[in-house]
Amino acid sequence: MHIVLLSGGSGKRLWPLSNEVRSKQFIKLFKREDGSLESMLQRVHR
């Protein structure tokens, strides 16, 4: 299990994944059971 804490800020450490167009919470970082990727918002909604 990996814990990723996405806090506020400009997201420079996740660049180029995170930028002005795509916020950190919308980046697909997590794998589902079927192997597909999901974002933090999708995971919280589940």
PDB file of N, CA and C in Angstrom:
ATOM      1  N   MET A   1       0.854  -1.166   0.000  1.00  0.00           N
ATOM      2  CA  MET A   1       0.000   0.000   0.000  1.00  0.00           C
ATOM      3  C   MET A   1       0.900   1.229   0.000  1.00  0.00           C
ATOM      4  N   HIS A   2       0.567   2.180  -0.845  1.00  0.00           N
ATOM      5  CA  HIS A   2       1.282   3.448  -0.908  1.00  0.00           C
ATOM      6  C   HIS A   2       0.312   4.547  -0.514  1.00  0.00           C
ATOM      7  N   ILE A   3       0.733   5.424   0.346  1.00  0.00           N
ATOM      8  CA  ILE A   3      -0.091   6.554   0.758  1.00  0.00           C
ATOM      9  C   ILE A   3       0.419   7.797   0.054  1.00  0.00           C
ATOM     10  N   VAL A   4      -0.482   8.494  -0.611  1.00  0.00           N
ATOM     11  CA  VAL A   4      -0.142   9.735  -1.304  1.00  0.00           C
ATOM     12  C   VAL A   4      -1.017  10.831  -0.731  1.00  0.00           C
ATOM     13  N   LEU A   5      -0.407  11.843  -0.162  1.00  0.00           N
ATOM     14  CA  LEU A   5      -1.134  12.973   0.399  1.00  0.00           C
ATOM     15  C   LEU A   5      -1.008  14.140  -0.570  1.00  0.00           C
ATOM     16  N   LEU A   6      -2.125  14.525  -1.158  1.00  0.00           N
ATOM     17  CA  LEU A   6      -2.131  15.641  -2.100  1.00  0.00           C
ATOM     18  C   LEU A   6      -2.609  16.881  -1.366  1.00  0.00           C
ATOM     19  N   SER A   7      -1.707  17.773  -1.099  1.00  0.00           N
ATOM     20  CA  SER A   7      -2.070  19.001  -0.393  1.00  0.00           C
ATOM     21  C   SER A   7      -2.001  20.184  -1.347  1.00  0.00           C
ATOM     22  N   GLY A   8      -2.328  21.335  -0.847  1.00  0.00           N
ATOM     23  CA  GLY A   8      -2.355  22.539  -1.675  1.00  0.00           C
ATOM     24  C   GLY A   8      -0.986  22.924  -2.195  1.00  0.00           C
ATOM     25  N   GLY A   9      -0.974  23.838  -3.108  1.00  0.00           N
ATOM     26  CA  GLY A   9       0.274  24.307  -3.689  1.00  0.00           C
ATOM     27  C   GLY A   9       0.216  24.278  -5.200  1.00  0.00           C
ATOM     28  N   SER A  10       1.307  24.642  -5.814  1.00  0.00           N
ATOM     29  CA  SER A  10       1.331  24.746  -7.273  1.00  0.00           C
ATOM     30  C   SER A  10       1.581  23.414  -7.966  1.00  0.00           C
ATOM     31  N   GLY A  11       1.986  22.380  -7.251  1.00  0.00           N
ATOM     32  CA  GLY A  11       2.196  21.069  -7.855  1.00  0.00           C
ATOM     33  C   GLY A  11       3.472  20.949  -8.663  1.00  0.00           C
ATOM     34  N   LYS A  12       4.500  21.698  -8.307  1.00  0.00           N
ATOM     35  CA  LYS A  12       5.749  21.677  -9.076  1.00  0.00           C
ATOM     36  C   LYS A  12       6.449  20.323  -9.010  1.00  0.00           C
ATOM     37  N   ARG A  13       6.288  19.581  -7.929  1.00  0.00           N
ATOM     38  CA  ARG A  13       6.953  18.284  -7.811  1.00  0.00           C
ATOM     39  C   ARG A  13       6.326  17.232  -8.713  1.00  0.00           C
ATOM     40  N   LEU A  14       5.074  17.422  -9.086  1.00  0.00           N
ATOM     41  CA  LEU A  14       4.402  16.471  -9.970  1.00  0.00           C
ATOM     42  C   LEU A  14       4.398  16.941 -11.426  1.00  0.00           C
ATOM     43  N   TRP A  15       5.119  18.023 -11.733  1.00  0.00           N
ATOM     44  CA  TRP A  15       5.200  18.491 -13.100  1.00  0.00           C
ATOM     45  C   TRP A  15       5.960  17.459 -13.910  1.00  0.00           C
ATOM     46  N   PRO A  16       5.615  17.122 -15.104  1.00  0.00           N
ATOM     47  CA  PRO A  16       4.612  17.708 -15.977  1.00  0.00           C
ATOM     48  C   PRO A  16       3.221  17.099 -15.836  1.00  0.00           C
ATOM     49  N   LEU A  17       3.041  16.139 -14.910  1.00  0.00           N
ATOM     50  CA  LEU A  17       1.700  15.568 -14.728  1.00  0.00           C
ATOM     51  C   LEU A  17       0.714  16.617 -14.246  1.00  0.00           C
ATOM     52  N   SER A  18       1.140  17.446 -13.306  1.00  0.00           N
ATOM     53  CA  SER A  18       0.290  18.502 -12.761  1.00  0.00           C
ATOM     54  C   SER A  18       0.745  19.840 -13.330  1.00  0.00           C
ATOM     55  N   ASN A  19      -0.198  20.614 -13.834  1.00  0.00           N
ATOM     56  CA  ASN A  19       0.125  21.929 -14.379  1.00  0.00           C
ATOM     57  C   ASN A  19      -1.090  22.841 -14.234  1.00  0.00           C
ATOM     58  N   GLU A  20      -1.089  23.976 -14.894  1.00  0.00           N
ATOM     59  CA  GLU A  20      -2.203  24.925 -14.765  1.00  0.00           C
ATOM     60  C   GLU A  20      -3.512  24.348 -15.293  1.00  0.00           C
ATOM     61  N   VAL A  21      -3.427  23.430 -16.232  1.00  0.00           N
ATOM     62  CA  VAL A  21      -4.623  22.857 -16.859  1.00  0.00           C
ATOM     63  C   VAL A  21      -5.160  21.660 -16.070  1.00  0.00           C
ATOM     64  N   ARG A  22      -4.273  20.869 -15.475  1.00  0.00           N
ATOM     65  CA  ARG A  22      -4.665  19.634 -14.793  1.00  0.00           C
ATOM     66  C   ARG A  22      -4.192  19.680 -13.339  1.00  0.00           C
ATOM     67  N   SER A  23      -5.130  19.767 -12.407  1.00  0.00           N
ATOM     68  CA  SER A  23      -4.809  19.812 -10.980  1.00  0.00           C
ATOM     69  C   SER A  23      -4.404  18.433 -10.470  1.00  0.00           C
ATOM     70  N   LYS A  24      -3.744  18.410  -9.315  1.00  0.00           N
ATOM     71  CA  LYS A  24      -3.241  17.158  -8.761  1.00  0.00           C
ATOM     72  C   LYS A  24      -4.333  16.128  -8.515  1.00  0.00           C
ATOM     73  N   GLN A  25      -5.494  16.556  -8.045  1.00  0.00           N
ATOM     74  CA  GLN A  25      -6.539  15.587  -7.711  1.00  0.00           C
ATOM     75  C   GLN A  25      -7.140  14.905  -8.934  1.00  0.00           C
ATOM     76  N   PHE A  26      -6.856  15.420 -10.138  1.00  0.00           N
ATOM     77  CA  PHE A  26      -7.386  14.826 -11.362  1.00  0.00           C
ATOM     78  C   PHE A  26      -6.387  13.908 -12.069  1.00  0.00           C
ATOM     79  N   ILE A  27      -5.163  13.803 -11.559  1.00  0.00           N
ATOM     80  CA  ILE A  27      -4.149  12.942 -12.159  1.00  0.00           C
ATOM     81  C   ILE A  27      -4.460  11.494 -11.788  1.00  0.00           C
ATOM     82  N   LYS A  28      -4.418  10.616 -12.761  1.00  0.00           N
ATOM     83  CA  LYS A  28      -4.714   9.206 -12.512  1.00  0.00           C
ATOM     84  C   LYS A  28      -3.452   8.516 -11.997  1.00  0.00           C
ATOM     85  N   LEU A  29      -3.360   8.364 -10.667  1.00  0.00           N
ATOM     86  CA  LEU A  29      -2.192   7.786 -10.012  1.00  0.00           C
ATOM     87  C   LEU A  29      -2.442   6.406  -9.435  1.00  0.00           C
ATOM     88  N   PHE A  30      -3.685   6.078  -9.142  1.00  0.00           N
ATOM     89  CA  PHE A  30      -4.004   4.866  -8.396  1.00  0.00           C
ATOM     90  C   PHE A  30      -4.525   3.771  -9.311  1.00  0.00           C
ATOM     91  N   LYS A  31      -4.142   2.522  -9.026  1.00  0.00           N
ATOM     92  CA  LYS A  31      -4.621   1.386  -9.821  1.00  0.00           C
ATOM     93  C   LYS A  31      -5.818   0.749  -9.135  1.00  0.00           C
ATOM     94  N   ARG A  32      -6.821   0.446  -9.941  1.00  0.00           N
ATOM     95  CA  ARG A  32      -7.986  -0.299  -9.462  1.00  0.00           C
ATOM     96  C   ARG A  32      -7.655  -1.789  -9.471  1.00  0.00           C
ATOM     97  N   GLU A  33      -8.591  -2.591  -8.982  1.00  0.00           N
ATOM     98  CA  GLU A  33      -8.395  -4.036  -8.979  1.00  0.00           C
ATOM     99  C   GLU A  33      -8.236  -4.589 -10.392  1.00  0.00           C
ATOM    100  N   ASP A  34      -8.905  -3.976 -11.372  1.00  0.00           N
ATOM    101  CA  ASP A  34      -8.825  -4.461 -12.754  1.00  0.00           C
ATOM    102  C   ASP A  34      -7.589  -3.945 -13.490  1.00  0.00           C
ATOM    103  N   GLY A  35      -6.750  -3.155 -12.815  1.00  0.00           N
ATOM    104  CA  GLY A  35      -5.517  -2.661 -13.418  1.00  0.00           C
ATOM    105  C   GLY A  35      -5.627  -1.294 -14.064  1.00  0.00           C
ATOM    106  N   SER A  36      -6.847  -0.772 -14.224  1.00  0.00           N
ATOM    107  CA  SER A  36      -6.999   0.561 -14.810  1.00  0.00           C
ATOM    108  C   SER A  36      -6.646   1.622 -13.774  1.00  0.00           C
ATOM    109  N   LEU A  37      -6.361   2.812 -14.245  1.00  0.00           N
ATOM    110  CA  LEU A  37      -5.965   3.891 -13.346  1.00  0.00           C
ATOM    111  C   LEU A  37      -7.154   4.751 -12.971  1.00  0.00           C
ATOM    112  N   GLU A  38      -7.112   5.323 -11.766  1.00  0.00           N
ATOM    113  CA  GLU A  38      -8.161   6.232 -11.328  1.00  0.00           C
ATOM    114  C   GLU A  38      -7.543   7.416 -10.602  1.00  0.00           C
ATOM    115  N   SER A  39      -8.255   8.532 -10.597  1.00  0.00           N
ATOM    116  CA  SER A  39      -7.775   9.743  -9.935  1.00  0.00           C
ATOM    117  C   SER A  39      -8.204   9.741  -8.474  1.00  0.00           C
ATOM    118  N   MET A  40      -7.692  10.696  -7.711  1.00  0.00           N
ATOM    119  CA  MET A  40      -8.056  10.819  -6.300  1.00  0.00           C
ATOM    120  C   MET A  40      -9.559  11.048  -6.160  1.00  0.00           C
ATOM    121  N   LEU A  41     -10.152  11.874  -7.009  1.00  0.00           N
ATOM    122  CA  LEU A  41     -11.593  12.125  -6.935  1.00  0.00           C
ATOM    123  C   LEU A  41     -12.389  10.863  -7.220  1.00  0.00           C
ATOM    124  N   GLN A  42     -11.966  10.077  -8.203  1.00  0.00           N
ATOM    125  CA  GLN A  42     -12.659   8.824  -8.502  1.00  0.00           C
ATOM    126  C   GLN A  42     -12.545   7.854  -7.335  1.00  0.00           C
ATOM    127  N   ARG A  43     -11.396   7.811  -6.700  1.00  0.00           N
ATOM    128  CA  ARG A  43     -11.183   6.891  -5.586  1.00  0.00           C
ATOM    129  C   ARG A  43     -12.023   7.285  -4.382  1.00  0.00           C
ATOM    130  N   VAL A  44     -12.096   8.565  -4.075  1.00  0.00           N
ATOM    131  CA  VAL A  44     -12.902   9.033  -2.939  1.00  0.00           C
ATOM    132  C   VAL A  44     -14.379   8.775  -3.202  1.00  0.00           C
ATOM    133  N   HIS A  45     -14.810   8.967  -4.438  1.00  0.00           N
ATOM    134  CA  HIS A  45     -16.215   8.753  -4.798  1.00  0.00           C
ATOM    135  C   HIS A  45     -16.603   7.288  -4.661  1.00  0.00           C
ATOM    136  N   ARG A  46     -15.685   6.399  -4.912  1.00  0.00           N
ATOM    137  CA  ARG A  46     -15.922   4.954  -4.844  1.00  0.00           C
ATOM    138  C   ARG A  46     -16.127   4.579  -3.428  1.00  0.00           C
TER     139      ARG A  46
END
